[in-house]
Amino acid sequence: MRRLPPDVYCDLPWIPGWELHEIPDEQPKLAQCYGYTYSRLELRTPDGEIYSRTWVPHDPEWTAAARRHGYVVCLCGVELGIRAPYATTDGKHTPHMRYEAFRRGCALGLTVGGLVASVDHR
């Protein structure tokens, strides 16, 4: 987990009722072969419906920070600037291009973010 520099300020709203659930998704064959396990992250609406789901390698430091704070920053959308556009390699997808994709997504309403409660199932 990376910390933001002290001069970076971002006013993210608290989103009441929404929760990010971290659920163990243990697959013994993966753990035996590769030495890592996965977590399933589910963003849930106030009525408990799954809004978004993804699988990520389990990161004990991230989990500990989420437990300590009780909330996480959650970003959703198609223009997060994380993945390179089609036919562009990760090496050619510069930090400036990632930043511009994120800003474009925000401006078009395709990217949303806020603080949500963290629920740990480990």
C-alpha atoms as a PDB file:
ATOM      1  CA  MET A   1       0.000   0.000   0.000  1.00  0.00           C
ATOM      2  CA  ARG A   2       1.302   3.440  -0.885  1.00  0.00           C
ATOM      3  CA  ARG A   3       0.680   6.601   1.089  1.00  0.00           C
ATOM      4  CA  LEU A   4      -0.083   9.899  -0.580  1.00  0.00           C
ATOM      5  CA  PRO A   5       2.459  12.674  -0.089  1.00  0.00           C
ATOM      6  CA  PRO A   6       1.372  15.259   2.511  1.00  0.00           C
ATOM      7  CA  ASP A   7       0.859  17.941  -0.147  1.00  0.00           C
ATOM      8  CA  VAL A   8      -1.726  15.837  -2.031  1.00  0.00           C
ATOM      9  CA  TYR A   9      -5.288  16.636  -1.051  1.00  0.00           C
ATOM     10  CA  CYS A  10      -8.361  14.893  -2.293  1.00  0.00           C
ATOM     11  CA  ASP A  11     -11.818  15.477  -0.887  1.00  0.00           C
ATOM     12  CA  LEU A  12     -13.530  12.102  -1.225  1.00  0.00           C
ATOM     13  CA  PRO A  13     -17.079  11.817   0.108  1.00  0.00           C
ATOM     14  CA  TRP A  14     -18.157   9.191   2.629  1.00  0.00           C
ATOM     15  CA  ILE A  15     -20.713   6.920   0.939  1.00  0.00           C
ATOM     16  CA  PRO A  16     -23.089   5.761   3.699  1.00  0.00           C
ATOM     17  CA  GLY A  17     -24.359   2.197   3.556  1.00  0.00           C
ATOM     18  CA  TRP A  18     -21.956   1.000   0.863  1.00  0.00           C
ATOM     19  CA  GLU A  19     -19.372  -1.600   1.894  1.00  0.00           C
ATOM     20  CA  LEU A  20     -16.312  -3.247   0.391  1.00  0.00           C
ATOM     21  CA  HIS A  21     -16.153  -6.895   1.434  1.00  0.00           C
ATOM     22  CA  GLU A  22     -12.852  -8.776   1.332  1.00  0.00           C
ATOM     23  CA  ILE A  23     -13.606 -12.489   1.067  1.00  0.00           C
ATOM     24  CA  PRO A  24     -10.951 -15.227   1.047  1.00  0.00           C
ATOM     25  CA  ASP A  25     -10.950 -17.041  -2.269  1.00  0.00           C
ATOM     26  CA  GLU A  26      -8.525 -19.777  -1.418  1.00  0.00           C
ATOM     27  CA  GLN A  27      -7.612 -22.134  -4.202  1.00  0.00           C
ATOM     28  CA  PRO A  28      -5.199 -24.734  -2.789  1.00  0.00           C
ATOM     29  CA  LYS A  29      -3.671 -25.564  -6.172  1.00  0.00           C
ATOM     30  CA  LEU A  30      -2.712 -21.922  -6.767  1.00  0.00           C
ATOM     31  CA  ALA A  31      -1.246 -21.606  -3.291  1.00  0.00           C
ATOM     32  CA  GLN A  32       0.757 -24.818  -3.705  1.00  0.00           C
ATOM     33  CA  CYS A  33       2.020 -23.994  -7.208  1.00  0.00           C
ATOM     34  CA  TYR A  34       2.602 -20.260  -6.950  1.00  0.00           C
ATOM     35  CA  GLY A  35       2.679 -19.499  -3.222  1.00  0.00           C
ATOM     36  CA  TYR A  36      -0.066 -16.869  -3.175  1.00  0.00           C
ATOM     37  CA  THR A  37      -3.750 -16.663  -2.443  1.00  0.00           C
ATOM     38  CA  TYR A  38      -6.488 -14.404  -3.714  1.00  0.00           C
ATOM     39  CA  SER A  39      -9.112 -12.206  -2.132  1.00  0.00           C
ATOM     40  CA  ARG A  40     -12.445 -11.514  -3.725  1.00  0.00           C
ATOM     41  CA  LEU A  41     -13.407  -7.855  -3.302  1.00  0.00           C
ATOM     42  CA  GLU A  42     -17.102  -7.065  -3.574  1.00  0.00           C
ATOM     43  CA  LEU A  43     -18.532  -3.557  -3.501  1.00  0.00           C
ATOM     44  CA  ARG A  44     -22.048  -3.843  -2.089  1.00  0.00           C
ATOM     45  CA  THR A  45     -24.933  -1.402  -2.118  1.00  0.00           C
ATOM     46  CA  PRO A  46     -26.819  -0.442   1.078  1.00  0.00           C
ATOM     47  CA  ASP A  47     -29.354  -3.237   0.428  1.00  0.00           C
ATOM     48  CA  GLY A  48     -26.567  -5.850   0.139  1.00  0.00           C
ATOM     49  CA  GLU A  49     -26.580  -6.253  -3.645  1.00  0.00           C
ATOM     50  CA  ILE A  50     -23.221  -6.723  -5.367  1.00  0.00           C
ATOM     51  CA  TYR A  51     -22.396  -3.656  -7.459  1.00  0.00           C
ATOM     52  CA  SER A  52     -18.900  -4.693  -8.513  1.00  0.00           C
ATOM     53  CA  ARG A  53     -16.582  -7.674  -7.964  1.00  0.00           C
ATOM     54  CA  THR A  54     -12.908  -8.374  -8.657  1.00  0.00           C
ATOM     55  CA  TRP A  55     -10.191 -10.810  -7.612  1.00  0.00           C
ATOM     56  CA  VAL A  56      -6.805  -9.581  -6.394  1.00  0.00           C
ATOM     57  CA  PRO A  57      -3.760 -11.232  -4.819  1.00  0.00           C
ATOM     58  CA  HIS A  58      -4.219 -11.156  -1.033  1.00  0.00           C
ATOM     59  CA  ASP A  59      -2.173  -8.349   0.540  1.00  0.00           C
ATOM     60  CA  PRO A  60      -1.898  -8.650   4.341  1.00  0.00           C
ATOM     61  CA  GLU A  61      -0.675  -5.032   4.689  1.00  0.00           C
ATOM     62  CA  TRP A  62      -3.715  -3.691   2.801  1.00  0.00           C
ATOM     63  CA  THR A  63      -6.044  -5.854   4.895  1.00  0.00           C
ATOM     64  CA  ALA A  64      -4.415  -4.660   8.136  1.00  0.00           C
ATOM     65  CA  ALA A  65      -4.760  -1.001   7.099  1.00  0.00           C
ATOM     66  CA  ALA A  66      -8.418  -1.510   6.121  1.00  0.00           C
ATOM     67  CA  ARG A  67      -9.113  -3.155   9.503  1.00  0.00           C
ATOM     68  CA  ARG A  68      -7.296  -0.384  11.371  1.00  0.00           C
ATOM     69  CA  HIS A  69      -9.132   2.458   9.617  1.00  0.00           C
ATOM     70  CA  GLY A  70     -12.497   0.741   9.122  1.00  0.00           C
ATOM     71  CA  TYR A  71     -12.877   2.214   5.644  1.00  0.00           C
ATOM     72  CA  VAL A  72     -11.206   2.132   2.237  1.00  0.00           C
ATOM     73  CA  VAL A  73     -10.990   4.411  -0.774  1.00  0.00           C
ATOM     74  CA  CYS A  74     -13.036   2.832  -3.510  1.00  0.00           C
ATOM     75  CA  LEU A  75     -12.869   3.851  -7.174  1.00  0.00           C
ATOM     76  CA  CYS A  76     -15.137   2.344  -9.835  1.00  0.00           C
ATOM     77  CA  GLY A  77     -15.364   2.969 -13.530  1.00  0.00           C
ATOM     78  CA  VAL A  78     -14.099   2.174 -16.971  1.00  0.00           C
ATOM     79  CA  GLU A  79     -11.589   5.030 -17.158  1.00  0.00           C
ATOM     80  CA  LEU A  80      -9.461   4.481 -14.070  1.00  0.00           C
ATOM     81  CA  GLY A  81      -6.169   4.658 -15.954  1.00  0.00           C
ATOM     82  CA  ILE A  82      -5.089   1.270 -14.614  1.00  0.00           C
ATOM     83  CA  ARG A  83      -5.091  -0.818 -17.769  1.00  0.00           C
ATOM     84  CA  ALA A  84      -3.565   0.194 -21.058  1.00  0.00           C
ATOM     85  CA  PRO A  85      -6.000   0.812 -23.924  1.00  0.00           C
ATOM     86  CA  TYR A  86      -6.397  -1.891 -26.551  1.00  0.00           C
ATOM     87  CA  ALA A  87      -3.263  -2.374 -28.692  1.00  0.00           C
ATOM     88  CA  THR A  88      -1.120  -0.354 -26.247  1.00  0.00           C
ATOM     89  CA  THR A  89       1.521  -2.101 -24.177  1.00  0.00           C
ATOM     90  CA  ASP A  90       1.894  -1.335 -20.479  1.00  0.00           C
ATOM     91  CA  GLY A  91       5.348   0.080 -21.255  1.00  0.00           C
ATOM     92  CA  LYS A  92       3.866   2.666 -23.616  1.00  0.00           C
ATOM     93  CA  HIS A  93       1.027   3.563 -21.233  1.00  0.00           C
ATOM     94  CA  THR A  94       2.754   6.469 -19.477  1.00  0.00           C
ATOM     95  CA  PRO A  95       1.784   7.949 -16.094  1.00  0.00           C
ATOM     96  CA  HIS A  96       0.535  11.069 -17.922  1.00  0.00           C
ATOM     97  CA  MET A  97      -1.721   8.917 -20.130  1.00  0.00           C
ATOM     98  CA  ARG A  98      -3.071   7.140 -17.032  1.00  0.00           C
ATOM     99  CA  TYR A  99      -3.758  10.474 -15.349  1.00  0.00           C
ATOM    100  CA  GLU A 100      -5.564  11.816 -18.419  1.00  0.00           C
ATOM    101  CA  ALA A 101      -7.694   8.663 -18.685  1.00  0.00           C
ATOM    102  CA  PHE A 102      -8.715   9.038 -15.048  1.00  0.00           C
ATOM    103  CA  ARG A 103      -9.552  12.747 -15.456  1.00  0.00           C
ATOM    104  CA  ARG A 104     -11.548  12.001 -18.644  1.00  0.00           C
ATOM    105  CA  GLY A 105     -13.489   9.270 -16.835  1.00  0.00           C
ATOM    106  CA  CYS A 106     -14.321  11.648 -13.987  1.00  0.00           C
ATOM    107  CA  ALA A 107     -15.375  14.445 -16.349  1.00  0.00           C
ATOM    108  CA  LEU A 108     -17.661  12.092 -18.306  1.00  0.00           C
ATOM    109  CA  GLY A 109     -19.177  10.549 -15.174  1.00  0.00           C
ATOM    110  CA  LEU A 110     -17.674   7.141 -15.991  1.00  0.00           C
ATOM    111  CA  THR A 111     -15.509   7.046 -12.865  1.00  0.00           C
ATOM    112  CA  VAL A 112     -16.756   7.483  -9.313  1.00  0.00           C
ATOM    113  CA  GLY A 113     -15.038   7.275  -5.974  1.00  0.00           C
ATOM    114  CA  GLY A 114     -15.494   7.666  -2.275  1.00  0.00           C
ATOM    115  CA  LEU A 115     -14.860   6.256   1.169  1.00  0.00           C
ATOM    116  CA  VAL A 116     -16.767   3.079   2.023  1.00  0.00           C
ATOM    117  CA  ALA A 117     -16.844   0.846   5.075  1.00  0.00           C
ATOM    118  CA  SER A 118     -14.502  -2.136   4.970  1.00  0.00           C
ATOM    119  CA  VAL A 119     -15.834  -5.586   5.923  1.00  0.00           C
ATOM    120  CA  ASP A 120     -13.276  -8.349   6.429  1.00  0.00           C
ATOM    121  CA  HIS A 121     -14.329 -11.989   6.114  1.00  0.00           C
ATOM    122  CA  ARG A 122     -10.875 -13.471   6.817  1.00  0.00           C
END
